[in-house]
Amino acid sequence: MNEQGGSKSTRVQIAGLWIAAASLVLALLRTVFDVLEVMGR
């Protein structure tokens, strides 16, 4: 594997990690808000 070809794939991996992390955070926030809504009733 060349270093030139590796940089692009690494960038794609990092972007995928960011997307996965963002969706995880959104799911957690949604769960927290649901719990708070249920507790508030």
N, C-alpha and C. Protein backbone atom coordinates (compact mmCIF):
# COMPACT_ATOMS: atom_id res chain seq x y z
N MET A 1 0.84 -1.21 0.00
CA MET A 1 0.00 0.00 0.00
C MET A 1 0.87 1.25 0.00
N ASN A 2 0.59 2.16 -0.91
CA ASN A 2 1.32 3.43 -0.94
C ASN A 2 0.78 4.39 0.12
N GLU A 3 1.63 5.31 0.57
CA GLU A 3 1.17 6.31 1.53
C GLU A 3 0.18 7.26 0.87
N GLN A 4 0.37 7.50 -0.43
CA GLN A 4 -0.54 8.41 -1.15
C GLN A 4 -1.96 7.84 -1.16
N GLY A 5 -2.07 6.53 -1.39
CA GLY A 5 -3.39 5.91 -1.43
C GLY A 5 -3.98 5.75 -0.05
N GLY A 6 -3.13 5.70 0.97
CA GLY A 6 -3.62 5.47 2.33
C GLY A 6 -4.25 6.70 2.95
N SER A 7 -3.77 7.90 2.56
CA SER A 7 -4.28 9.11 3.19
C SER A 7 -5.77 9.30 2.89
N LYS A 8 -6.17 8.98 1.67
CA LYS A 8 -7.58 9.18 1.31
C LYS A 8 -8.47 8.22 2.07
N SER A 9 -8.06 6.96 2.18
CA SER A 9 -8.88 5.98 2.90
C SER A 9 -8.94 6.33 4.39
N THR A 10 -7.85 6.86 4.93
CA THR A 10 -7.85 7.27 6.33
C THR A 10 -8.84 8.41 6.54
N ARG A 11 -8.88 9.34 5.59
CA ARG A 11 -9.82 10.45 5.68
C ARG A 11 -11.25 9.93 5.67
N VAL A 12 -11.50 8.95 4.79
CA VAL A 12 -12.85 8.38 4.71
C VAL A 12 -13.20 7.69 6.02
N GLN A 13 -12.23 6.98 6.62
CA GLN A 13 -12.47 6.31 7.89
C GLN A 13 -12.80 7.33 8.98
N ILE A 14 -12.06 8.44 9.01
CA ILE A 14 -12.29 9.48 10.02
C ILE A 14 -13.68 10.08 9.82
N ALA A 15 -14.06 10.33 8.56
CA ALA A 15 -15.38 10.88 8.29
C ALA A 15 -16.46 9.90 8.75
N GLY A 16 -16.25 8.61 8.50
CA GLY A 16 -17.21 7.60 8.94
C GLY A 16 -17.32 7.57 10.46
N LEU A 17 -16.18 7.73 11.13
CA LEU A 17 -16.19 7.75 12.59
C LEU A 17 -16.97 8.95 13.11
N TRP A 18 -16.76 10.11 12.49
CA TRP A 18 -17.49 11.31 12.91
C TRP A 18 -18.99 11.13 12.72
N ILE A 19 -19.38 10.54 11.56
CA ILE A 19 -20.80 10.33 11.28
C ILE A 19 -21.39 9.35 12.31
N ALA A 20 -20.65 8.29 12.59
CA ALA A 20 -21.12 7.31 13.57
C ALA A 20 -21.24 7.95 14.95
N ALA A 21 -20.26 8.76 15.33
CA ALA A 21 -20.29 9.42 16.63
C ALA A 21 -21.46 10.39 16.71
N ALA A 22 -21.70 11.13 15.64
CA ALA A 22 -22.80 12.10 15.63
C ALA A 22 -24.15 11.39 15.78
N SER A 23 -24.34 10.29 15.04
CA SER A 23 -25.61 9.56 15.13
C SER A 23 -25.77 8.95 16.52
N LEU A 24 -24.66 8.50 17.12
CA LEU A 24 -24.72 7.95 18.47
C LEU A 24 -25.15 9.02 19.47
N VAL A 25 -24.55 10.21 19.35
CA VAL A 25 -24.89 11.31 20.26
C VAL A 25 -26.36 11.70 20.09
N LEU A 26 -26.81 11.78 18.83
CA LEU A 26 -28.21 12.14 18.59
C LEU A 26 -29.15 11.11 19.19
N ALA A 27 -28.82 9.83 19.04
CA ALA A 27 -29.65 8.77 19.62
C ALA A 27 -29.68 8.89 21.15
N LEU A 28 -28.52 9.17 21.76
CA LEU A 28 -28.46 9.32 23.21
C LEU A 28 -29.30 10.52 23.66
N LEU A 29 -29.18 11.64 22.96
CA LEU A 29 -29.96 12.83 23.31
C LEU A 29 -31.44 12.54 23.21
N ARG A 30 -31.85 11.84 22.15
CA ARG A 30 -33.26 11.52 21.96
C ARG A 30 -33.76 10.66 23.12
N THR A 31 -32.92 9.68 23.52
CA THR A 31 -33.30 8.81 24.64
C THR A 31 -33.42 9.61 25.93
N VAL A 32 -32.47 10.50 26.16
CA VAL A 32 -32.48 11.31 27.39
C VAL A 32 -33.74 12.18 27.42
N PHE A 33 -34.08 12.81 26.29
CA PHE A 33 -35.25 13.67 26.25
C PHE A 33 -36.52 12.85 26.47
N ASP A 34 -36.57 11.64 25.90
CA ASP A 34 -37.74 10.78 26.12
C ASP A 34 -37.88 10.44 27.60
N VAL A 35 -36.76 10.10 28.25
CA VAL A 35 -36.80 9.76 29.67
C VAL A 35 -37.25 10.96 30.50
N LEU A 36 -36.71 12.14 30.18
CA LEU A 36 -37.09 13.35 30.92
C LEU A 36 -38.57 13.65 30.72
N GLU A 37 -39.07 13.44 29.50
CA GLU A 37 -40.47 13.70 29.23
C GLU A 37 -41.35 12.76 30.04
N VAL A 38 -40.97 11.50 30.10
CA VAL A 38 -41.75 10.52 30.86
C VAL A 38 -41.69 10.84 32.35
N MET A 39 -40.50 11.24 32.85
CA MET A 39 -40.35 11.56 34.27
C MET A 39 -41.12 12.83 34.62
N GLY A 40 -41.19 13.77 33.68
CA GLY A 40 -41.86 15.05 33.94
C GLY A 40 -43.37 14.90 34.04
N ARG A 41 -43.92 13.85 33.46
CA ARG A 41 -45.37 13.69 33.50
C ARG A 41 -45.85 13.26 34.88
